[in-house]
């Protein structure tokens, strides 16, 4: 039996599903933004502000930020466990990754809702 220590999901399959699901959410958001920029090739501040004044857009953007963070954590966790064999080094790197991703999450909340 494989013991899961720090992965996001409980198994490799769960991590794989998280990666695929978050990738789909990110892709859908990117497609939406590409279409938006196609319709509004040079958006002004007022158009951009109007788009992000809607709570549905803020919520969708936050969900995508959260998806990016989850996607990054799973990928970086896999890379760090594969290539960093020394436990102390791996834990330091993983803690740095966690704090960086949490900082990005807090920053996204501040940007989207001005908290």
Protein backbone atom coordinates (compact mmCIF):
# COMPACT_ATOMS: atom_id res chain seq x y z
CA UNK A 1 0.00 0.00 0.00
CA UNK A 2 1.31 3.41 -0.96
CA UNK A 3 1.36 5.96 1.85
CA UNK A 4 0.30 9.47 0.78
CA UNK A 5 2.08 12.17 2.72
CA UNK A 6 1.63 15.56 1.08
CA UNK A 7 -0.27 15.18 -2.17
CA UNK A 8 -3.50 17.08 -2.76
CA UNK A 9 -5.60 14.00 -3.44
CA UNK A 10 -5.65 10.76 -1.55
CA UNK A 11 -4.20 8.75 -4.44
CA UNK A 12 -2.32 9.25 -7.66
CA UNK A 13 -5.62 8.86 -9.50
CA UNK A 14 -7.19 11.66 -7.45
CA UNK A 15 -4.21 13.92 -8.22
CA UNK A 16 -4.53 13.03 -11.91
CA UNK A 17 -8.24 13.92 -11.85
CA UNK A 18 -7.51 17.22 -10.07
CA UNK A 19 -4.93 18.04 -12.75
CA UNK A 20 -7.35 17.31 -15.59
CA UNK A 21 -10.34 19.05 -14.02
CA UNK A 22 -8.38 22.20 -13.19
CA UNK A 23 -6.85 22.19 -16.68
CA UNK A 24 -10.35 22.16 -18.18
CA UNK A 25 -11.46 25.07 -15.99
CA UNK A 26 -8.36 27.06 -16.90
CA UNK A 27 -8.85 26.31 -20.61
CA UNK A 28 -12.50 27.41 -20.52
CA UNK A 29 -11.53 30.67 -18.81
CA UNK A 30 -8.79 31.31 -21.36
CA UNK A 31 -11.23 30.67 -24.21
CA UNK A 32 -13.71 33.10 -22.64
CA UNK A 33 -11.01 35.76 -22.29
CA UNK A 34 -9.81 35.25 -25.88
CA UNK A 35 -13.38 35.71 -27.13
CA UNK A 36 -13.77 38.78 -24.92
CA UNK A 37 -10.57 40.30 -26.34
CA UNK A 38 -11.71 39.40 -29.85
CA UNK A 39 -14.97 41.29 -29.27
CA UNK A 40 -13.22 44.16 -27.43
CA UNK A 41 -9.79 44.38 -29.10
CA UNK A 42 -8.64 47.42 -27.09
CA UNK A 43 -10.70 47.45 -23.91
CA UNK A 44 -10.79 50.71 -22.04
CA UNK A 45 -10.55 50.93 -18.28
CA UNK A 46 -14.32 51.39 -18.03
CA UNK A 47 -15.01 48.23 -20.09
CA UNK A 48 -12.51 46.24 -18.03
CA UNK A 49 -13.92 47.64 -14.80
CA UNK A 50 -17.47 46.86 -15.90
CA UNK A 51 -16.53 43.26 -16.71
CA UNK A 52 -14.96 42.71 -13.29
CA UNK A 53 -17.63 44.61 -11.37
CA UNK A 54 -19.93 41.63 -11.92
CA UNK A 55 -19.80 39.16 -9.04
CA UNK A 56 -20.09 36.21 -11.43
CA UNK A 57 -16.89 37.31 -13.20
CA UNK A 58 -15.05 37.81 -9.92
CA UNK A 59 -16.21 34.41 -8.71
CA UNK A 60 -15.24 32.67 -11.96
CA UNK A 61 -11.86 34.39 -11.91
CA UNK A 62 -11.30 33.37 -8.30
CA UNK A 63 -12.25 29.76 -9.10
CA UNK A 64 -9.72 29.83 -11.95
CA UNK A 65 -7.04 31.30 -9.64
CA UNK A 66 -7.81 28.52 -7.16
CA UNK A 67 -7.62 25.99 -9.99
CA UNK A 68 -4.24 27.35 -11.07
CA UNK A 69 -2.97 27.05 -7.51
CA UNK A 70 -4.25 23.48 -7.16
CA UNK A 71 -2.86 22.57 -10.58
CA UNK A 72 0.51 24.07 -9.71
CA UNK A 73 0.64 22.34 -6.33
CA UNK A 74 -0.04 18.89 -7.75
CA UNK A 75 2.52 19.37 -10.52
CA UNK A 76 5.20 20.85 -8.29
CA UNK A 77 4.58 18.24 -5.58
CA UNK A 78 5.12 15.48 -8.13
CA UNK A 79 8.29 17.09 -9.48
CA UNK A 80 9.68 17.76 -6.01
CA UNK A 81 9.03 14.22 -4.78
CA UNK A 82 10.53 12.75 -7.95
CA UNK A 83 13.71 14.82 -8.07
CA UNK A 84 14.42 15.98 -4.51
CA UNK A 85 15.42 12.84 -2.65
CA UNK A 86 16.80 14.47 0.50
CA UNK A 87 13.87 14.85 2.91
CA UNK A 88 14.92 18.18 4.44
CA UNK A 89 15.52 19.82 1.07
CA UNK A 90 12.22 18.49 -0.28
CA UNK A 91 10.28 19.78 2.73
CA UNK A 92 11.91 23.21 2.53
CA UNK A 93 11.12 23.47 -1.18
CA UNK A 94 7.56 22.26 -0.66
CA UNK A 95 7.00 24.72 2.19
CA UNK A 96 8.34 27.53 -0.02
CA UNK A 97 5.93 26.44 -2.75
CA UNK A 98 3.02 26.32 -0.30
CA UNK A 99 3.75 29.79 1.08
CA UNK A 100 4.18 31.21 -2.42
CA UNK A 101 0.90 29.70 -3.62
CA UNK A 102 -0.95 30.86 -0.51
CA UNK A 103 0.49 34.34 -1.02
CA UNK A 104 -0.79 34.30 -4.60
CA UNK A 105 -4.20 33.20 -3.36
CA UNK A 106 -4.38 36.03 -0.82
CA UNK A 107 -3.18 38.48 -3.46
CA UNK A 108 -5.90 37.30 -5.89
CA UNK A 109 -8.54 37.88 -3.20
CA UNK A 110 -7.17 41.37 -2.60
CA UNK A 111 -7.17 42.14 -6.34
CA UNK A 112 -10.65 40.79 -7.02
CA UNK A 113 -12.51 42.05 -3.97
CA UNK A 114 -10.20 44.76 -2.65
CA UNK A 115 -10.05 43.21 0.81
